[in-house]
Amino acid sequence: KAQFAASFPEAALKNIKWYPAVPA
């Protein structure tokens, strides 16, 4: 949890690029 918090401050967490479904 501590490592996660250090890597992902709030702005970085909001900026994650989540993979959407991949079209054919």
mmCIF file of all heavy atoms, coordinates in Angstrom:
data_MODEL
# 
_entry.id   MODEL 
# 
loop_
_atom_site.group_PDB 
_atom_site.id 
_atom_site.type_symbol 
_atom_site.label_atom_id 
_atom_site.label_alt_id 
_atom_site.label_comp_id 
_atom_site.label_asym_id 
_atom_site.label_entity_id 
_atom_site.label_seq_id 
_atom_site.pdbx_PDB_ins_code 
_atom_site.Cartn_x 
_atom_site.Cartn_y 
_atom_site.Cartn_z 
_atom_site.occupancy 
_atom_site.B_iso_or_equiv 
_atom_site.pdbx_formal_charge 
_atom_site.auth_seq_id 
_atom_site.auth_comp_id 
_atom_site.auth_asym_id 
_atom_site.auth_atom_id 
_atom_site.pdbx_PDB_model_num 
ATOM 1   N N   . LYS A 1 1  ? 0.830   -1.206 0.000   1.00 0.00 ? 1  LYS A N   1 
ATOM 2   C CA  . LYS A 1 1  ? 0.000   0.000  0.000   1.00 0.00 ? 1  LYS A CA  1 
ATOM 3   C C   . LYS A 1 1  ? 0.865   1.257  0.000   1.00 0.00 ? 1  LYS A C   1 
ATOM 4   O O   . LYS A 1 1  ? 0.545   2.246  -0.674  1.00 0.00 ? 1  LYS A O   1 
ATOM 5   C CB  . LYS A 1 1  ? -0.940  -0.008 1.207   1.00 0.00 ? 1  LYS A CB  1 
ATOM 6   C CG  . LYS A 1 1  ? -2.060  -1.024 1.110   1.00 0.00 ? 1  LYS A CG  1 
ATOM 7   C CD  . LYS A 1 1  ? -3.182  -0.748 2.104   1.00 0.00 ? 1  LYS A CD  1 
ATOM 8   C CE  . LYS A 1 1  ? -2.778  -1.034 3.515   1.00 0.00 ? 1  LYS A CE  1 
ATOM 9   N NZ  . LYS A 1 1  ? -3.911  -0.885 4.466   1.00 0.00 ? 1  LYS A NZ  1 
ATOM 10  N N   . ALA A 1 2  ? 1.974   1.239  0.737   1.00 0.00 ? 2  ALA A N   1 
ATOM 11  C CA  . ALA A 1 2  ? 2.861   2.403  0.797   1.00 0.00 ? 2  ALA A CA  1 
ATOM 12  C C   . ALA A 1 2  ? 3.544   2.637  -0.552  1.00 0.00 ? 2  ALA A C   1 
ATOM 13  O O   . ALA A 1 2  ? 3.671   3.790  -1.000  1.00 0.00 ? 2  ALA A O   1 
ATOM 14  C CB  . ALA A 1 2  ? 3.905   2.201  1.891   1.00 0.00 ? 2  ALA A CB  1 
ATOM 15  N N   . GLN A 1 3  ? 3.980   1.557  -1.209  1.00 0.00 ? 3  GLN A N   1 
ATOM 16  C CA  . GLN A 1 3  ? 4.607   1.692  -2.522  1.00 0.00 ? 3  GLN A CA  1 
ATOM 17  C C   . GLN A 1 3  ? 3.612   2.229  -3.547  1.00 0.00 ? 3  GLN A C   1 
ATOM 18  O O   . GLN A 1 3  ? 3.950   3.074  -4.382  1.00 0.00 ? 3  GLN A O   1 
ATOM 19  C CB  . GLN A 1 3  ? 5.154   0.334  -2.976  1.00 0.00 ? 3  GLN A CB  1 
ATOM 20  C CG  . GLN A 1 3  ? 6.368   -0.128 -2.198  1.00 0.00 ? 3  GLN A CG  1 
ATOM 21  C CD  . GLN A 1 3  ? 6.806   -1.517 -2.591  1.00 0.00 ? 3  GLN A CD  1 
ATOM 22  O OE1 . GLN A 1 3  ? 5.973   -2.408 -2.804  1.00 0.00 ? 3  GLN A OE1 1 
ATOM 23  N NE2 . GLN A 1 3  ? 8.110   -1.737 -2.698  1.00 0.00 ? 3  GLN A NE2 1 
ATOM 24  N N   . PHE A 1 4  ? 2.382   1.738  -3.476  1.00 0.00 ? 4  PHE A N   1 
ATOM 25  C CA  . PHE A 1 4  ? 1.338   2.208  -4.376  1.00 0.00 ? 4  PHE A CA  1 
ATOM 26  C C   . PHE A 1 4  ? 1.108   3.704  -4.189  1.00 0.00 ? 4  PHE A C   1 
ATOM 27  O O   . PHE A 1 4  ? 1.028   4.467  -5.158  1.00 0.00 ? 4  PHE A O   1 
ATOM 28  C CB  . PHE A 1 4  ? 0.044   1.436  -4.115  1.00 0.00 ? 4  PHE A CB  1 
ATOM 29  C CG  . PHE A 1 4  ? -1.121  1.887  -4.952  1.00 0.00 ? 4  PHE A CG  1 
ATOM 30  C CD1 . PHE A 1 4  ? -1.328  1.357  -6.212  1.00 0.00 ? 4  PHE A CD1 1 
ATOM 31  C CD2 . PHE A 1 4  ? -2.008  2.848  -4.494  1.00 0.00 ? 4  PHE A CD2 1 
ATOM 32  C CE1 . PHE A 1 4  ? -2.386  1.772  -6.995  1.00 0.00 ? 4  PHE A CE1 1 
ATOM 33  C CE2 . PHE A 1 4  ? -3.074  3.268  -5.261  1.00 0.00 ? 4  PHE A CE2 1 
ATOM 34  C CZ  . PHE A 1 4  ? -3.262  2.734  -6.520  1.00 0.00 ? 4  PHE A CZ  1 
ATOM 35  N N   . ALA A 1 5  ? 1.021   4.145  -2.946  1.00 0.00 ? 5  ALA A N   1 
ATOM 36  C CA  . ALA A 1 5  ? 0.779   5.561  -2.658  1.00 0.00 ? 5  ALA A CA  1 
ATOM 37  C C   . ALA A 1 5  ? 1.917   6.437  -3.174  1.00 0.00 ? 5  ALA A C   1 
ATOM 38  O O   . ALA A 1 5  ? 1.691   7.547  -3.674  1.00 0.00 ? 5  ALA A O   1 
ATOM 39  C CB  . ALA A 1 5  ? 0.590   5.758  -1.152  1.00 0.00 ? 5  ALA A CB  1 
ATOM 40  N N   . ALA A 1 6  ? 3.154   5.932  -3.072  1.00 0.00 ? 6  ALA A N   1 
ATOM 41  C CA  . ALA A 1 6  ? 4.300   6.707  -3.549  1.00 0.00 ? 6  ALA A CA  1 
ATOM 42  C C   . ALA A 1 6  ? 4.310   6.825  -5.070  1.00 0.00 ? 6  ALA A C   1 
ATOM 43  O O   . ALA A 1 6  ? 4.676   7.864  -5.624  1.00 0.00 ? 6  ALA A O   1 
ATOM 44  C CB  . ALA A 1 6  ? 5.593   6.054  -3.075  1.00 0.00 ? 6  ALA A CB  1 
ATOM 45  N N   . SER A 1 7  ? 3.903   5.767  -5.753  1.00 0.00 ? 7  SER A N   1 
ATOM 46  C CA  . SER A 1 7  ? 3.899   5.766  -7.219  1.00 0.00 ? 7  SER A CA  1 
ATOM 47  C C   . SER A 1 7  ? 2.705   6.505  -7.797  1.00 0.00 ? 7  SER A C   1 
ATOM 48  O O   . SER A 1 7  ? 2.779   7.062  -8.893  1.00 0.00 ? 7  SER A O   1 
ATOM 49  C CB  . SER A 1 7  ? 3.893   4.326  -7.743  1.00 0.00 ? 7  SER A CB  1 
ATOM 50  O OG  . SER A 1 7  ? 5.052   3.633  -7.377  1.00 0.00 ? 7  SER A OG  1 
ATOM 51  N N   . PHE A 1 8  ? 1.593   6.493  -7.058  1.00 0.00 ? 8  PHE A N   1 
ATOM 52  C CA  . PHE A 1 8  ? 0.352   7.050  -7.589  1.00 0.00 ? 8  PHE A CA  1 
ATOM 53  C C   . PHE A 1 8  ? -0.254  8.112  -6.676  1.00 0.00 ? 8  PHE A C   1 
ATOM 54  O O   . PHE A 1 8  ? -1.206  7.846  -5.943  1.00 0.00 ? 8  PHE A O   1 
ATOM 55  C CB  . PHE A 1 8  ? -0.676  5.936  -7.822  1.00 0.00 ? 8  PHE A CB  1 
ATOM 56  C CG  . PHE A 1 8  ? -0.370  5.059  -8.997  1.00 0.00 ? 8  PHE A CG  1 
ATOM 57  C CD1 . PHE A 1 8  ? 0.149   3.799  -8.808  1.00 0.00 ? 8  PHE A CD1 1 
ATOM 58  C CD2 . PHE A 1 8  ? -0.585  5.511  -10.288 1.00 0.00 ? 8  PHE A CD2 1 
ATOM 59  C CE1 . PHE A 1 8  ? 0.444   2.988  -9.887  1.00 0.00 ? 8  PHE A CE1 1 
ATOM 60  C CE2 . PHE A 1 8  ? -0.293  4.704  -11.376 1.00 0.00 ? 8  PHE A CE2 1 
ATOM 61  C CZ  . PHE A 1 8  ? 0.225   3.443  -11.176 1.00 0.00 ? 8  PHE A CZ  1 
ATOM 62  N N   . PRO A 1 9  ? 0.338   9.324  -6.700  1.00 0.00 ? 9  PRO A N   1 
ATOM 63  C CA  . PRO A 1 9  ? -0.384  10.424 -6.070  1.00 0.00 ? 9  PRO A CA  1 
ATOM 64  C C   . PRO A 1 9  ? -1.712  10.616 -6.810  1.00 0.00 ? 9  PRO A C   1 
ATOM 65  O O   . PRO A 1 9  ? -1.911  10.054 -7.889  1.00 0.00 ? 9  PRO A O   1 
ATOM 66  C CB  . PRO A 1 9  ? 0.550   11.619 -6.260  1.00 0.00 ? 9  PRO A CB  1 
ATOM 67  C CG  . PRO A 1 9  ? 1.427   11.240 -7.420  1.00 0.00 ? 9  PRO A CG  1 
ATOM 68  C CD  . PRO A 1 9  ? 1.568   9.749  -7.350  1.00 0.00 ? 9  PRO A CD  1 
ATOM 69  N N   . GLU A 1 10 ? -2.604  11.390 -6.255  1.00 0.00 ? 10 GLU A N   1 
ATOM 70  C CA  . GLU A 1 10 ? -3.968  11.487 -6.801  1.00 0.00 ? 10 GLU A CA  1 
ATOM 71  C C   . GLU A 1 10 ? -4.001  11.816 -8.286  1.00 0.00 ? 10 GLU A C   1 
ATOM 72  O O   . GLU A 1 10 ? -4.753  11.212 -9.048  1.00 0.00 ? 10 GLU A O   1 
ATOM 73  C CB  . GLU A 1 10 ? -4.765  12.537 -6.011  1.00 0.00 ? 10 GLU A CB  1 
ATOM 74  C CG  . GLU A 1 10 ? -6.219  12.602 -6.421  1.00 0.00 ? 10 GLU A CG  1 
ATOM 75  C CD  . GLU A 1 10 ? -7.024  13.577 -5.567  1.00 0.00 ? 10 GLU A CD  1 
ATOM 76  O OE1 . GLU A 1 10 ? -6.457  14.119 -4.598  1.00 0.00 ? 10 GLU A OE1 1 
ATOM 77  O OE2 . GLU A 1 10 ? -8.200  13.801 -5.876  1.00 0.00 ? 10 GLU A OE2 1 
ATOM 78  N N   . ALA A 1 11 ? -3.157  12.755 -8.717  1.00 0.00 ? 11 ALA A N   1 
ATOM 79  C CA  . ALA A 1 11 ? -3.164  13.155 -10.135 1.00 0.00 ? 11 ALA A CA  1 
ATOM 80  C C   . ALA A 1 11 ? -2.761  11.998 -11.041 1.00 0.00 ? 11 ALA A C   1 
ATOM 81  O O   . ALA A 1 11 ? -3.338  11.794 -12.113 1.00 0.00 ? 11 ALA A O   1 
ATOM 82  C CB  . ALA A 1 11 ? -2.218  14.335 -10.346 1.00 0.00 ? 11 ALA A CB  1 
ATOM 83  N N   . ALA A 1 12 ? -1.759  11.213 -10.621 1.00 0.00 ? 12 ALA A N   1 
ATOM 84  C CA  . ALA A 1 12 ? -1.307  10.081 -11.426 1.00 0.00 ? 12 ALA A CA  1 
ATOM 85  C C   . ALA A 1 12 ? -2.367  8.995  -11.485 1.00 0.00 ? 12 ALA A C   1 
ATOM 86  O O   . ALA A 1 12 ? -2.544  8.334  -12.511 1.00 0.00 ? 12 ALA A O   1 
ATOM 87  C CB  . ALA A 1 12 ? -0.007  9.524  -10.863 1.00 0.00 ? 12 ALA A CB  1 
ATOM 88  N N   . LEU A 1 13 ? -3.085  8.819  -10.388 1.00 0.00 ? 13 LEU A N   1 
ATOM 89  C CA  . LEU A 1 13 ? -4.133  7.798  -10.353 1.00 0.00 ? 13 LEU A CA  1 
ATOM 90  C C   . LEU A 1 13 ? -5.257  8.162  -11.322 1.00 0.00 ? 13 LEU A C   1 
ATOM 91  O O   . LEU A 1 13 ? -5.790  7.306  -12.034 1.00 0.00 ? 13 LEU A O   1 
ATOM 92  C CB  . LEU A 1 13 ? -4.679  7.670  -8.926  1.00 0.00 ? 13 LEU A CB  1 
ATOM 93  C CG  . LEU A 1 13 ? -5.524  6.446  -8.610  1.00 0.00 ? 13 LEU A CG  1 
ATOM 94  C CD1 . LEU A 1 13 ? -4.745  5.166  -8.870  1.00 0.00 ? 13 LEU A CD1 1 
ATOM 95  C CD2 . LEU A 1 13 ? -5.992  6.486  -7.166  1.00 0.00 ? 13 LEU A CD2 1 
ATOM 96  N N   . LYS A 1 14 ? -5.598  9.442  -11.374 1.00 0.00 ? 14 LYS A N   1 
ATOM 97  C CA  . LYS A 1 14 ? -6.651  9.892  -12.280 1.00 0.00 ? 14 LYS A CA  1 
ATOM 98  C C   . LYS A 1 14 ? -6.218  9.836  -13.738 1.00 0.00 ? 14 LYS A C   1 
ATOM 99  O O   . LYS A 1 14 ? -7.059  9.814  -14.638 1.00 0.00 ? 14 LYS A O   1 
ATOM 100 C CB  . LYS A 1 14 ? -7.078  11.320 -11.916 1.00 0.00 ? 14 LYS A CB  1 
ATOM 101 C CG  . LYS A 1 14 ? -7.825  11.442 -10.599 1.00 0.00 ? 14 LYS A CG  1 
ATOM 102 C CD  . LYS A 1 14 ? -8.218  12.884 -10.328 1.00 0.00 ? 14 LYS A CD  1 
ATOM 103 C CE  . LYS A 1 14 ? -9.003  13.013 -9.033  1.00 0.00 ? 14 LYS A CE  1 
ATOM 104 N NZ  . LYS A 1 14 ? -9.370  14.430 -8.735  1.00 0.00 ? 14 LYS A NZ  1 
ATOM 105 N N   . ASN A 1 15 ? -4.896  9.802  -13.970 1.00 0.00 ? 15 ASN A N   1 
ATOM 106 C CA  . ASN A 1 15 ? -4.366  9.843  -15.329 1.00 0.00 ? 15 ASN A CA  1 
ATOM 107 C C   . ASN A 1 15 ? -4.091  8.454  -15.915 1.00 0.00 ? 15 ASN A C   1 
ATOM 108 O O   . ASN A 1 15 ? -3.543  8.331  -17.009 1.00 0.00 ? 15 ASN A O   1 
ATOM 109 C CB  . ASN A 1 15 ? -3.069  10.666 -15.357 1.00 0.00 ? 15 ASN A CB  1 
ATOM 110 C CG  . ASN A 1 15 ? -2.659  11.073 -16.766 1.00 0.00 ? 15 ASN A CG  1 
ATOM 111 O OD1 . ASN A 1 15 ? -3.508  11.320 -17.622 1.00 0.00 ? 15 ASN A OD1 1 
ATOM 112 N ND2 . ASN A 1 15 ? -1.363  11.152 -17.002 1.00 0.00 ? 15 ASN A ND2 1 
ATOM 113 N N   . ILE A 1 16 ? -4.477  7.404  -15.208 1.00 0.00 ? 16 ILE A N   1 
ATOM 114 C CA  . ILE A 1 16 ? -4.276  6.046  -15.739 1.00 0.00 ? 16 ILE A CA  1 
ATOM 115 C C   . ILE A 1 16 ? -5.070  5.876  -17.036 1.00 0.00 ? 16 ILE A C   1 
ATOM 116 O O   . ILE A 1 16 ? -6.235  6.254  -17.118 1.00 0.00 ? 16 ILE A O   1 
ATOM 117 C CB  . ILE A 1 16 ? -4.707  4.978  -14.713 1.00 0.00 ? 16 ILE A CB  1 
ATOM 118 C CG1 . ILE A 1 16 ? -3.766  4.996  -13.500 1.00 0.00 ? 16 ILE A CG1 1 
ATOM 119 C CG2 . ILE A 1 16 ? -4.698  3.589  -15.346 1.00 0.00 ? 16 ILE A CG2 1 
ATOM 120 C CD1 . ILE A 1 16 ? -4.187  4.060  -12.387 1.00 0.00 ? 16 ILE A CD1 1 
ATOM 121 N N   . LYS A 1 17 ? -4.434  5.312  -18.033 1.00 0.00 ? 17 LYS A N   1 
ATOM 122 C CA  . LYS A 1 17 ? -5.084  5.053  -19.320 1.00 0.00 ? 17 LYS A CA  1 
ATOM 123 C C   . LYS A 1 17 ? -5.605  3.612  -19.321 1.00 0.00 ? 17 LYS A C   1 
ATOM 124 O O   . LYS A 1 17 ? -4.855  2.664  -19.586 1.00 0.00 ? 17 LYS A O   1 
ATOM 125 C CB  . LYS A 1 17 ? -4.101  5.255  -20.483 1.00 0.00 ? 17 LYS A CB  1 
ATOM 126 C CG  . LYS A 1 17 ? -3.336  6.580  -20.452 1.00 0.00 ? 17 LYS A CG  1 
ATOM 127 C CD  . LYS A 1 17 ? -4.248  7.793  -20.451 1.00 0.00 ? 17 LYS A CD  1 
ATOM 128 C CE  . LYS A 1 17 ? -3.426  9.072  -20.568 1.00 0.00 ? 17 LYS A CE  1 
ATOM 129 N NZ  . LYS A 1 17 ? -4.231  10.286 -20.364 1.00 0.00 ? 17 LYS A NZ  1 
ATOM 130 N N   . TRP A 1 18 ? -6.875  3.436  -19.002 1.00 0.00 ? 18 TRP A N   1 
ATOM 131 C CA  . TRP A 1 18 ? -7.449  2.099  -18.932 1.00 0.00 ? 18 TRP A CA  1 
ATOM 132 C C   . TRP A 1 18 ? -7.711  1.561  -20.334 1.00 0.00 ? 18 TRP A C   1 
ATOM 133 O O   . TRP A 1 18 ? -8.282  2.243  -21.172 1.00 0.00 ? 18 TRP A O   1 
ATOM 134 C CB  . TRP A 1 18 ? -8.759  2.123  -18.141 1.00 0.00 ? 18 TRP A CB  1 
ATOM 135 C CG  . TRP A 1 18 ? -8.589  2.524  -16.716 1.00 0.00 ? 18 TRP A CG  1 
ATOM 136 C CD1 . TRP A 1 18 ? -8.872  3.732  -16.158 1.00 0.00 ? 18 TRP A CD1 1 
ATOM 137 C CD2 . TRP A 1 18 ? -8.072  1.725  -15.642 1.00 0.00 ? 18 TRP A CD2 1 
ATOM 138 N NE1 . TRP A 1 18 ? -8.574  3.738  -14.818 1.00 0.00 ? 18 TRP A NE1 1 
ATOM 139 C CE2 . TRP A 1 18 ? -8.083  2.511  -14.474 1.00 0.00 ? 18 TRP A CE2 1 
ATOM 140 C CE3 . TRP A 1 18 ? -7.615  0.403  -15.561 1.00 0.00 ? 18 TRP A CE3 1 
ATOM 141 C CZ2 . TRP A 1 18 ? -7.648  2.029  -13.234 1.00 0.00 ? 18 TRP A CZ2 1 
ATOM 142 C CZ3 . TRP A 1 18 ? -7.179  -0.077 -14.340 1.00 0.00 ? 18 TRP A CZ3 1 
ATOM 143 C CH2 . TRP A 1 18 ? -7.198  0.729  -13.197 1.00 0.00 ? 18 TRP A CH2 1 
ATOM 144 N N   . TYR A 1 19 ? -7.288  0.337  -20.568 1.00 0.00 ? 19 TYR A N   1 
ATOM 145 C CA  . TYR A 1 19 ? -7.508  -0.271 -21.881 1.00 0.00 ? 19 TYR A CA  1 
ATOM 146 C C   . TYR A 1 19 ? -8.995  -0.503 -22.119 1.00 0.00 ? 19 TYR A C   1 
ATOM 147 O O   . TYR A 1 19 ? -9.641  -1.218 -21.356 1.00 0.00 ? 19 TYR A O   1 
ATOM 148 C CB  . TYR A 1 19 ? -6.807  -1.627 -21.963 1.00 0.00 ? 19 TYR A CB  1 
ATOM 149 C CG  . TYR A 1 19 ? -5.294  -1.561 -21.945 1.00 0.00 ? 19 TYR A CG  1 
ATOM 150 C CD1 . TYR A 1 19 ? -4.579  -1.960 -20.822 1.00 0.00 ? 19 TYR A CD1 1 
ATOM 151 C CD2 . TYR A 1 19 ? -4.594  -1.121 -23.060 1.00 0.00 ? 19 TYR A CD2 1 
ATOM 152 C CE1 . TYR A 1 19 ? -3.190  -1.920 -20.811 1.00 0.00 ? 19 TYR A CE1 1 
ATOM 153 C CE2 . TYR A 1 19 ? -3.206  -1.075 -23.051 1.00 0.00 ? 19 TYR A CE2 1 
ATOM 154 C CZ  . TYR A 1 19 ? -2.511  -1.481 -21.919 1.00 0.00 ? 19 TYR A CZ  1 
ATOM 155 O OH  . TYR A 1 19 ? -1.146  -1.441 -21.909 1.00 0.00 ? 19 TYR A OH  1 
ATOM 156 N N   . PRO A 1 20 ? -9.547  0.068  -23.188 1.00 0.00 ? 20 PRO A N   1 
ATOM 157 C CA  . PRO A 1 20 ? -10.930 -0.255 -23.563 1.00 0.00 ? 20 PRO A CA  1 
ATOM 158 C C   . PRO A 1 20 ? -10.970 -1.528 -24.404 1.00 0.00 ? 20 PRO A C   1 
ATOM 159 O O   . PRO A 1 20 ? -9.921  -2.094 -24.725 1.00 0.00 ? 20 PRO A O   1 
ATOM 160 C CB  . PRO A 1 20 ? -11.355 0.963  -24.391 1.00 0.00 ? 20 PRO A CB  1 
ATOM 161 C CG  . PRO A 1 20 ? -10.077 1.414  -25.039 1.00 0.00 ? 20 PRO A CG  1 
ATOM 162 C CD  . PRO A 1 20 ? -8.970  1.103  -24.053 1.00 0.00 ? 20 PRO A CD  1 
ATOM 163 N N   . ALA A 1 21 ? -12.156 -1.959 -24.740 1.00 0.00 ? 21 ALA A N   1 
ATOM 164 C CA  . ALA A 1 21 ? -12.298 -3.143 -25.589 1.00 0.00 ? 21 ALA A CA  1 
ATOM 165 C C   . ALA A 1 21 ? -11.599 -2.920 -26.924 1.00 0.00 ? 21 ALA A C   1 
ATOM 166 O O   . ALA A 1 21 ? -11.629 -1.829 -27.489 1.00 0.00 ? 21 ALA A O   1 
ATOM 167 C CB  . ALA A 1 21 ? -13.782 -3.432 -25.817 1.00 0.00 ? 21 ALA A CB  1 
ATOM 168 N N   . VAL A 1 22 ? -10.961 -3.960 -27.419 1.00 0.00 ? 22 VAL A N   1 
ATOM 169 C CA  . VAL A 1 22 ? -10.207 -3.871 -28.675 1.00 0.00 ? 22 VAL A CA  1 
ATOM 170 C C   . VAL A 1 22 ? -11.096 -4.292 -29.837 1.00 0.00 ? 22 VAL A C   1 
ATOM 171 O O   . VAL A 1 22 ? -11.509 -5.451 -29.920 1.00 0.00 ? 22 VAL A O   1 
ATOM 172 C CB  . VAL A 1 22 ? -8.960  -4.778 -28.632 1.00 0.00 ? 22 VAL A CB  1 
ATOM 173 C CG1 . VAL A 1 22 ? -8.159  -4.634 -29.921 1.00 0.00 ? 22 VAL A CG1 1 
ATOM 174 C CG2 . VAL A 1 22 ? -8.092  -4.432 -27.436 1.00 0.00 ? 22 VAL A CG2 1 
ATOM 175 N N   . PRO A 1 23 ? -11.416 -3.382 -30.761 1.00 0.00 ? 23 PRO A N   1 
ATOM 176 C CA  . PRO A 1 23 ? -12.238 -3.762 -31.915 1.00 0.00 ? 23 PRO A CA  1 
ATOM 177 C C   . PRO A 1 23 ? -11.500 -4.728 -32.839 1.00 0.00 ? 23 PRO A C   1 
ATOM 178 O O   . PRO A 1 23 ? -10.261 -4.766 -32.871 1.00 0.00 ? 23 PRO A O   1 
ATOM 179 C CB  . PRO A 1 23 ? -12.492 -2.417 -32.627 1.00 0.00 ? 23 PRO A CB  1 
ATOM 180 C CG  . PRO A 1 23 ? -12.126 -1.366 -31.642 1.00 0.00 ? 23 PRO A CG  1 
ATOM 181 C CD  . PRO A 1 23 ? -11.073 -1.959 -30.772 1.00 0.00 ? 23 PRO A CD  1 
ATOM 182 N N   . ALA A 1 24 ? -12.239 -5.495 -33.597 1.00 0.00 ? 24 ALA A N   1 
ATOM 183 C CA  . ALA A 1 24 ? -11.645 -6.415 -34.566 1.00 0.00 ? 24 ALA A CA  1 
ATOM 184 C C   . ALA A 1 24 ? -10.784 -5.632 -35.565 1.00 0.00 ? 24 ALA A C   1 
ATOM 185 O O   . ALA A 1 24 ? -11.159 -4.549 -36.007 1.00 0.00 ? 24 ALA A O   1 
ATOM 186 C CB  . ALA A 1 24 ? -12.742 -7.180 -35.296 1.00 0.00 ? 24 ALA A CB  1 
# 
